[in-house]
Amino acid sequence: MELTDIIPVESWKQLAEDIHKRFGFNSCIYNKGNQVIHAPVGWANELCPLIKAGDSRVICAASQQNFAKKVSQSRKPVIDECEAGFLKFLVPIFTNGDFLGSAGGCGCLMTDNKIDIFYISKAVGKNENEIKNLMMTIPRISRDKVIEALEYLQKEIEKITQAAI
């Protein structure tokens, strides 16, 4: 079974748009092969699109691979940082015991976290001052707000998967 057997791609995209609008995260839905099932619906900041462009997108890909492995094995959501230092959360999607994919959000910083400006500047090919300026667009978020977003997403996924049974 695939995610698109439960609801169409457009409905998954709507869920990602909802997470983006409500909480401000970059939000994506991934199939069990860890591929995005639609293009990003909006950006949390101006730095993430640069990271996602070109060879630096490996930063996101490596993080997503690690997160997806964790959620598929543990069957539990994960909140952590991506390779760039941004907050990332991921919720597994299971139906009838089968892992179908995951959904989550990223692109914000926890209130007291920092990103490695030097690392990001080298990865995206920009000078450190440009990265510092782009960092001004990164939303700061509390752990409580992250948990609120994660729990909201879990409930929405549960509604979708329960309707499919």
C-alpha atoms as a PDB file:
ATOM      1  CA  MET A   1       0.000   0.000   0.000  1.00  0.00           C
ATOM      2  CA  GLU A   2       1.149   3.536  -0.792  1.00  0.00           C
ATOM      3  CA  LEU A   3       0.263   6.917   0.697  1.00  0.00           C
ATOM      4  CA  THR A   4      -1.661   7.750  -2.455  1.00  0.00           C
ATOM      5  CA  ASP A   5      -3.828   4.649  -1.927  1.00  0.00           C
ATOM      6  CA  ILE A   6      -5.201   6.323   1.208  1.00  0.00           C
ATOM      7  CA  ILE A   7      -5.751   9.843  -0.132  1.00  0.00           C
ATOM      8  CA  PRO A   8      -4.618  11.587  -3.340  1.00  0.00           C
ATOM      9  CA  VAL A   9      -1.399  13.607  -3.592  1.00  0.00           C
ATOM     10  CA  GLU A  10      -3.408  16.833  -3.548  1.00  0.00           C
ATOM     11  CA  SER A  11      -4.841  15.937  -0.122  1.00  0.00           C
ATOM     12  CA  TRP A  12      -1.367  15.191   1.260  1.00  0.00           C
ATOM     13  CA  LYS A  13      -0.228  18.512  -0.167  1.00  0.00           C
ATOM     14  CA  GLN A  14      -3.122  20.223   1.640  1.00  0.00           C
ATOM     15  CA  LEU A  15      -1.931  18.710   4.927  1.00  0.00           C
ATOM     16  CA  ALA A  16       1.569  20.088   4.316  1.00  0.00           C
ATOM     17  CA  GLU A  17       0.088  23.508   3.468  1.00  0.00           C
ATOM     18  CA  ASP A  18      -1.907  23.394   6.692  1.00  0.00           C
ATOM     19  CA  ILE A  19       1.237  22.733   8.766  1.00  0.00           C
ATOM     20  CA  HIS A  20       3.042  25.544   6.965  1.00  0.00           C
ATOM     21  CA  LYS A  21       0.208  28.059   7.450  1.00  0.00           C
ATOM     22  CA  ARG A  22      -0.529  27.151  11.087  1.00  0.00           C
ATOM     23  CA  PHE A  23       3.004  26.761  12.395  1.00  0.00           C
ATOM     24  CA  GLY A  24       5.364  28.319   9.807  1.00  0.00           C
ATOM     25  CA  PHE A  25       7.448  25.222   9.070  1.00  0.00           C
ATOM     26  CA  ASN A  26       8.683  23.932   5.726  1.00  0.00           C
ATOM     27  CA  SER A  27       6.420  20.911   5.531  1.00  0.00           C
ATOM     28  CA  CYS A  28       6.632  17.829   3.355  1.00  0.00           C
ATOM     29  CA  ILE A  29       5.121  14.392   3.046  1.00  0.00           C
ATOM     30  CA  TYR A  30       7.484  11.532   2.153  1.00  0.00           C
ATOM     31  CA  ASN A  31       6.598   8.114   0.789  1.00  0.00           C
ATOM     32  CA  LYS A  32       8.119   4.910   2.177  1.00  0.00           C
ATOM     33  CA  GLY A  33      10.972   5.274  -0.323  1.00  0.00           C
ATOM     34  CA  ASN A  34      11.701   8.602   1.384  1.00  0.00           C
ATOM     35  CA  GLN A  35      10.806  10.636  -1.687  1.00  0.00           C
ATOM     36  CA  VAL A  36       8.795  13.849  -1.414  1.00  0.00           C
ATOM     37  CA  ILE A  37       5.371  13.234  -2.936  1.00  0.00           C
ATOM     38  CA  HIS A  38       4.914  16.911  -3.889  1.00  0.00           C
ATOM     39  CA  ALA A  39       6.978  20.071  -4.195  1.00  0.00           C
ATOM     40  CA  PRO A  40       7.445  22.189  -1.032  1.00  0.00           C
ATOM     41  CA  VAL A  41       4.375  24.298  -0.287  1.00  0.00           C
ATOM     42  CA  GLY A  42       6.211  27.238   1.267  1.00  0.00           C
ATOM     43  CA  TRP A  43       9.426  28.146   3.011  1.00  0.00           C
ATOM     44  CA  ALA A  44       9.902  28.873   6.691  1.00  0.00           C
ATOM     45  CA  ASN A  45      12.823  31.198   5.897  1.00  0.00           C
ATOM     46  CA  GLU A  46      14.975  32.495   3.039  1.00  0.00           C
ATOM     47  CA  LEU A  47      17.961  30.251   3.787  1.00  0.00           C
ATOM     48  CA  CYS A  48      16.299  26.861   3.265  1.00  0.00           C
ATOM     49  CA  PRO A  49      15.637  27.376  -0.495  1.00  0.00           C
ATOM     50  CA  LEU A  50      19.372  28.048  -0.954  1.00  0.00           C
ATOM     51  CA  ILE A  51      20.257  24.876   0.939  1.00  0.00           C
ATOM     52  CA  LYS A  52      17.757  22.870  -1.136  1.00  0.00           C
ATOM     53  CA  ALA A  53      19.266  24.150  -4.391  1.00  0.00           C
ATOM     54  CA  GLY A  54      22.237  22.470  -6.023  1.00  0.00           C
ATOM     55  CA  ASP A  55      24.693  20.169  -4.297  1.00  0.00           C
ATOM     56  CA  SER A  56      23.946  21.540  -0.818  1.00  0.00           C
ATOM     57  CA  ARG A  57      20.589  19.721  -0.856  1.00  0.00           C
ATOM     58  CA  VAL A  58      22.522  16.703   0.457  1.00  0.00           C
ATOM     59  CA  ILE A  59      22.290  18.449   3.861  1.00  0.00           C
ATOM     60  CA  CYS A  60      18.520  17.940   3.840  1.00  0.00           C
ATOM     61  CA  ALA A  61      18.649  14.534   2.199  1.00  0.00           C
ATOM     62  CA  ALA A  62      21.052  13.099   4.785  1.00  0.00           C
ATOM     63  CA  SER A  63      18.943  14.410   7.652  1.00  0.00           C
ATOM     64  CA  GLN A  64      15.726  13.103   6.135  1.00  0.00           C
ATOM     65  CA  GLN A  65      17.248   9.641   5.624  1.00  0.00           C
ATOM     66  CA  ASN A  66      18.289   9.496   9.291  1.00  0.00           C
ATOM     67  CA  PHE A  67      14.954  10.787  10.565  1.00  0.00           C
ATOM     68  CA  ALA A  68      12.933   8.426   8.348  1.00  0.00           C
ATOM     69  CA  LYS A  69      14.941   5.442   9.554  1.00  0.00           C
ATOM     70  CA  LYS A  70      14.310   6.428  13.181  1.00  0.00           C
ATOM     71  CA  VAL A  71      10.546   6.881  12.785  1.00  0.00           C
ATOM     72  CA  SER A  72      10.026   3.753  10.709  1.00  0.00           C
ATOM     73  CA  GLN A  73      11.909   1.598  13.235  1.00  0.00           C
ATOM     74  CA  SER A  74      10.648   3.175  16.454  1.00  0.00           C
ATOM     75  CA  ARG A  75       7.141   3.851  15.114  1.00  0.00           C
ATOM     76  CA  LYS A  76       7.337   7.124  17.074  1.00  0.00           C
ATOM     77  CA  PRO A  77       7.773  10.775  16.055  1.00  0.00           C
ATOM     78  CA  VAL A  78      11.194  12.383  16.271  1.00  0.00           C
ATOM     79  CA  ILE A  79      12.184  15.952  17.150  1.00  0.00           C
ATOM     80  CA  ASP A  80      15.820  16.855  16.560  1.00  0.00           C
ATOM     81  CA  GLU A  81      18.076  19.053  14.459  1.00  0.00           C
ATOM     82  CA  CYS A  82      18.978  18.578  10.799  1.00  0.00           C
ATOM     83  CA  GLU A  83      22.573  18.621   9.575  1.00  0.00           C
ATOM     84  CA  ALA A  84      22.357  22.423   9.239  1.00  0.00           C
ATOM     85  CA  GLY A  85      21.150  22.881  12.826  1.00  0.00           C
ATOM     86  CA  PHE A  86      17.515  23.656  12.060  1.00  0.00           C
ATOM     87  CA  LEU A  87      14.754  22.105  14.070  1.00  0.00           C
ATOM     88  CA  LYS A  88      13.108  19.158  12.344  1.00  0.00           C
ATOM     89  CA  PHE A  89      10.243  16.924  13.403  1.00  0.00           C
ATOM     90  CA  LEU A  90       8.930  13.871  11.639  1.00  0.00           C
ATOM     91  CA  VAL A  91       5.855  11.718  12.217  1.00  0.00           C
ATOM     92  CA  PRO A  92       5.642   8.156  10.839  1.00  0.00           C
ATOM     93  CA  ILE A  93       2.625   7.104   8.807  1.00  0.00           C
ATOM     94  CA  PHE A  94       1.520   3.522   9.390  1.00  0.00           C
ATOM     95  CA  THR A  95      -1.599   1.677   8.370  1.00  0.00           C
ATOM     96  CA  ASN A  96      -2.367  -1.940   9.178  1.00  0.00           C
ATOM     97  CA  GLY A  97       1.150  -2.200  10.608  1.00  0.00           C
ATOM     98  CA  ASP A  98       2.797  -1.167   7.335  1.00  0.00           C
ATOM     99  CA  PHE A  99       5.091   1.854   7.140  1.00  0.00           C
ATOM    100  CA  LEU A 100       3.853   4.065   4.302  1.00  0.00           C
ATOM    101  CA  GLY A 101       5.961   7.152   4.814  1.00  0.00           C
ATOM    102  CA  SER A 102       6.299  10.182   7.036  1.00  0.00           C
ATOM    103  CA  ALA A 103       5.280  13.803   7.396  1.00  0.00           C
ATOM    104  CA  GLY A 104       6.946  16.645   9.176  1.00  0.00           C
ATOM    105  CA  GLY A 105       8.246  20.138   9.405  1.00  0.00           C
ATOM    106  CA  CYS A 106      11.568  21.957   9.560  1.00  0.00           C
ATOM    107  CA  GLY A 107      13.237  25.300   8.893  1.00  0.00           C
ATOM    108  CA  CYS A 108      12.863  27.005  12.274  1.00  0.00           C
ATOM    109  CA  LEU A 109      15.319  27.313  15.131  1.00  0.00           C
ATOM    110  CA  MET A 110      14.659  26.470  18.741  1.00  0.00           C
ATOM    111  CA  THR A 111      14.733  29.628  20.831  1.00  0.00           C
ATOM    112  CA  ASP A 112      18.300  29.100  22.095  1.00  0.00           C
ATOM    113  CA  ASN A 113      19.890  27.180  19.182  1.00  0.00           C
ATOM    114  CA  LYS A 114      22.387  28.460  16.627  1.00  0.00           C
ATOM    115  CA  ILE A 115      23.410  27.259  13.201  1.00  0.00           C
ATOM    116  CA  ASP A 116      26.975  26.918  11.967  1.00  0.00           C
ATOM    117  CA  ILE A 117      27.297  29.958   9.715  1.00  0.00           C
ATOM    118  CA  PHE A 118      30.675  28.858   8.337  1.00  0.00           C
ATOM    119  CA  TYR A 119      29.360  25.400   7.389  1.00  0.00           C
ATOM    120  CA  ILE A 120      26.240  26.776   5.713  1.00  0.00           C
ATOM    121  CA  SER A 121      28.186  29.466   3.847  1.00  0.00           C
ATOM    122  CA  LYS A 122      30.534  26.841   2.388  1.00  0.00           C
ATOM    123  CA  ALA A 123      27.679  24.478   1.536  1.00  0.00           C
ATOM    124  CA  VAL A 124      25.652  27.085  -0.375  1.00  0.00           C
ATOM    125  CA  GLY A 125      28.566  29.081  -1.774  1.00  0.00           C
ATOM    126  CA  LYS A 126      27.730  32.387  -0.067  1.00  0.00           C
ATOM    127  CA  ASN A 127      29.883  34.501   2.220  1.00  0.00           C
ATOM    128  CA  GLU A 128      29.267  34.434   5.965  1.00  0.00           C
ATOM    129  CA  ASN A 129      27.768  37.946   6.011  1.00  0.00           C
ATOM    130  CA  GLU A 130      25.141  36.923   3.461  1.00  0.00           C
ATOM    131  CA  ILE A 131      24.267  33.912   5.625  1.00  0.00           C
ATOM    132  CA  LYS A 132      24.058  36.111   8.745  1.00  0.00           C
ATOM    133  CA  ASN A 133      21.603  38.375   6.911  1.00  0.00           C
ATOM    134  CA  LEU A 134      19.517  35.407   5.786  1.00  0.00           C
ATOM    135  CA  MET A 135      19.471  34.091   9.343  1.00  0.00           C
ATOM    136  CA  MET A 136      17.332  37.085  10.265  1.00  0.00           C
ATOM    137  CA  THR A 137      14.489  35.395   8.343  1.00  0.00           C
ATOM    138  CA  ILE A 138      14.631  32.188  10.407  1.00  0.00           C
ATOM    139  CA  PRO A 139      11.746  31.958  12.874  1.00  0.00           C
ATOM    140  CA  ARG A 140      12.590  31.126  16.484  1.00  0.00           C
ATOM    141  CA  ILE A 141      10.214  28.676  18.095  1.00  0.00           C
ATOM    142  CA  SER A 142       9.715  27.253  21.570  1.00  0.00           C
ATOM    143  CA  ARG A 143       9.761  23.543  22.309  1.00  0.00           C
ATOM    144  CA  ASP A 144       6.096  23.814  23.342  1.00  0.00           C
ATOM    145  CA  LYS A 145       5.185  25.170  19.890  1.00  0.00           C
ATOM    146  CA  VAL A 146       7.087  22.330  18.208  1.00  0.00           C
ATOM    147  CA  ILE A 147       5.244  19.776  20.315  1.00  0.00           C
ATOM    148  CA  GLU A 148       1.952  21.482  19.470  1.00  0.00           C
ATOM    149  CA  ALA A 149       2.726  21.205  15.742  1.00  0.00           C
ATOM    150  CA  LEU A 150       3.842  17.587  16.064  1.00  0.00           C
ATOM    151  CA  GLU A 151       0.737  16.585  18.038  1.00  0.00           C
ATOM    152  CA  TYR A 152      -1.507  18.387  15.571  1.00  0.00           C
ATOM    153  CA  LEU A 153       0.148  16.556  12.680  1.00  0.00           C
ATOM    154  CA  GLN A 154      -0.145  13.215  14.502  1.00  0.00           C
ATOM    155  CA  LYS A 155      -3.891  13.741  14.995  1.00  0.00           C
ATOM    156  CA  GLU A 156      -4.411  14.675  11.351  1.00  0.00           C
ATOM    157  CA  ILE A 157      -2.476  11.615  10.178  1.00  0.00           C
ATOM    158  CA  GLU A 158      -4.453   9.424  12.563  1.00  0.00           C
ATOM    159  CA  LYS A 159      -7.737  10.751  11.091  1.00  0.00           C
ATOM    160  CA  ILE A 160      -6.482   9.999   7.584  1.00  0.00           C
ATOM    161  CA  THR A 161      -5.219   6.485   8.365  1.00  0.00           C
ATOM    162  CA  GLN A 162      -8.302   5.555  10.435  1.00  0.00           C
ATOM    163  CA  ALA A 163     -10.566   6.547   7.555  1.00  0.00           C
ATOM    164  CA  ALA A 164      -8.538   4.257   5.280  1.00  0.00           C
ATOM    165  CA  ILE A 165      -9.101   1.140   7.388  1.00  0.00           C
END
